[in-house]
């Protein structure tokens, strides 16, 4: 029973973190663009 509860808690936390992960991906993309622009100067 305890492993099932742990799996459910992990699934809920993963689904709740999707927005955060998406935001982090956008930040990384913006940082990559800034590095690219700096390298082209």
N, C-alpha and C. Protein backbone atom coordinates (compact mmCIF):
# COMPACT_ATOMS: atom_id res chain seq x y z
N UNK A 1 0.82 -1.21 0.00
CA UNK A 1 0.00 0.00 0.00
C UNK A 1 0.86 1.27 0.00
N UNK A 2 1.93 1.27 0.78
CA UNK A 2 2.78 2.46 0.85
C UNK A 2 3.45 2.78 -0.49
N UNK A 3 3.93 1.77 -1.24
CA UNK A 3 4.52 2.11 -2.54
C UNK A 3 3.50 2.75 -3.48
N UNK A 4 2.25 2.32 -3.40
CA UNK A 4 1.20 2.89 -4.25
C UNK A 4 0.98 4.36 -3.91
N UNK A 5 1.00 4.69 -2.64
CA UNK A 5 0.83 6.08 -2.21
C UNK A 5 2.00 6.92 -2.71
N UNK A 6 3.21 6.37 -2.62
CA UNK A 6 4.39 7.10 -3.09
C UNK A 6 4.30 7.36 -4.59
N UNK A 7 3.82 6.39 -5.35
CA UNK A 7 3.67 6.56 -6.80
C UNK A 7 2.64 7.64 -7.09
N UNK A 8 1.53 7.63 -6.38
CA UNK A 8 0.49 8.64 -6.60
C UNK A 8 1.00 10.04 -6.26
N UNK A 9 1.71 10.16 -5.16
CA UNK A 9 2.25 11.47 -4.77
C UNK A 9 3.25 11.97 -5.81
N UNK A 10 4.10 11.07 -6.29
CA UNK A 10 5.07 11.44 -7.33
C UNK A 10 4.37 11.89 -8.60
N UNK A 11 3.31 11.17 -8.99
CA UNK A 11 2.58 11.53 -10.20
C UNK A 11 1.93 12.91 -10.07
N UNK A 12 1.34 13.18 -8.93
CA UNK A 12 0.69 14.48 -8.71
C UNK A 12 1.72 15.60 -8.74
N UNK A 13 2.86 15.38 -8.10
CA UNK A 13 3.90 16.41 -8.08
C UNK A 13 4.46 16.64 -9.48
N UNK A 14 4.59 15.58 -10.26
CA UNK A 14 5.09 15.72 -11.63
C UNK A 14 4.11 16.51 -12.48
N UNK A 15 2.84 16.20 -12.37
CA UNK A 15 1.84 16.91 -13.16
C UNK A 15 1.73 18.37 -12.73
N UNK A 16 1.86 18.62 -11.44
CA UNK A 16 1.79 20.00 -10.94
C UNK A 16 3.01 20.79 -11.38
N UNK A 17 4.15 20.12 -11.59
CA UNK A 17 5.37 20.81 -11.97
C UNK A 17 5.49 21.07 -13.46
N UNK A 18 4.53 20.64 -14.25
CA UNK A 18 4.62 20.82 -15.70
C UNK A 18 4.76 22.28 -16.08
N UNK A 19 3.99 23.15 -15.45
CA UNK A 19 4.08 24.58 -15.77
C UNK A 19 5.47 25.11 -15.42
N UNK A 20 6.00 24.66 -14.31
CA UNK A 20 7.32 25.10 -13.90
C UNK A 20 8.37 24.62 -14.89
N UNK A 21 8.27 23.38 -15.31
CA UNK A 21 9.23 22.82 -16.27
C UNK A 21 9.12 23.54 -17.61
N UNK A 22 7.90 23.86 -18.01
CA UNK A 22 7.71 24.59 -19.26
C UNK A 22 8.35 25.97 -19.16
N UNK A 23 8.15 26.63 -18.05
CA UNK A 23 8.76 27.95 -17.84
C UNK A 23 10.27 27.88 -17.82
N UNK A 24 10.80 26.81 -17.21
CA UNK A 24 12.24 26.64 -17.18
C UNK A 24 12.78 26.43 -18.59
N UNK A 25 12.05 25.67 -19.40
CA UNK A 25 12.46 25.45 -20.79
C UNK A 25 12.49 26.75 -21.57
N UNK A 26 11.52 27.60 -21.34
CA UNK A 26 11.50 28.90 -22.02
C UNK A 26 12.68 29.76 -21.58
N UNK A 27 13.01 29.72 -20.29
CA UNK A 27 14.15 30.49 -19.79
C UNK A 27 15.45 30.01 -20.42
N UNK A 28 15.60 28.68 -20.53
CA UNK A 28 16.80 28.12 -21.14
C UNK A 28 16.88 28.52 -22.61
N UNK A 29 15.73 28.53 -23.28
CA UNK A 29 15.69 28.92 -24.69
C UNK A 29 16.11 30.38 -24.85
N UNK A 30 15.62 31.25 -23.97
CA UNK A 30 15.99 32.66 -24.04
C UNK A 30 17.48 32.85 -23.76
N UNK A 31 18.00 32.11 -22.79
CA UNK A 31 19.43 32.20 -22.48
C UNK A 31 20.26 31.74 -23.67
N UNK A 32 19.82 30.69 -24.34
CA UNK A 32 20.52 30.21 -25.53
C UNK A 32 20.52 31.25 -26.64
N UNK A 33 19.40 31.94 -26.80
CA UNK A 33 19.31 33.01 -27.80
C UNK A 33 20.26 34.15 -27.47
N UNK A 34 20.38 34.47 -26.19
CA UNK A 34 21.28 35.55 -25.79
C UNK A 34 22.73 35.17 -26.05
N UNK A 35 23.06 33.92 -25.78
CA UNK A 35 24.43 33.44 -26.04
C UNK A 35 24.71 33.46 -27.53
N UNK A 36 23.72 33.06 -28.31
CA UNK A 36 23.87 33.04 -29.76
C UNK A 36 24.10 34.46 -30.31
N UNK A 37 23.31 35.41 -29.81
CA UNK A 37 23.47 36.80 -30.25
C UNK A 37 24.83 37.35 -29.85
N UNK A 38 25.28 37.01 -28.63
CA UNK A 38 26.58 37.49 -28.17
C UNK A 38 27.70 36.89 -29.00
N UNK A 39 27.54 35.65 -29.44
CA UNK A 39 28.56 35.01 -30.24
C UNK A 39 28.63 35.54 -31.66
N UNK A 40 27.55 36.12 -32.16
CA UNK A 40 27.53 36.61 -33.53
C UNK A 40 28.09 38.03 -33.66
N UNK A 41 28.38 38.67 -32.54
CA UNK A 41 28.91 40.05 -32.59
C UNK A 41 30.35 40.07 -32.99
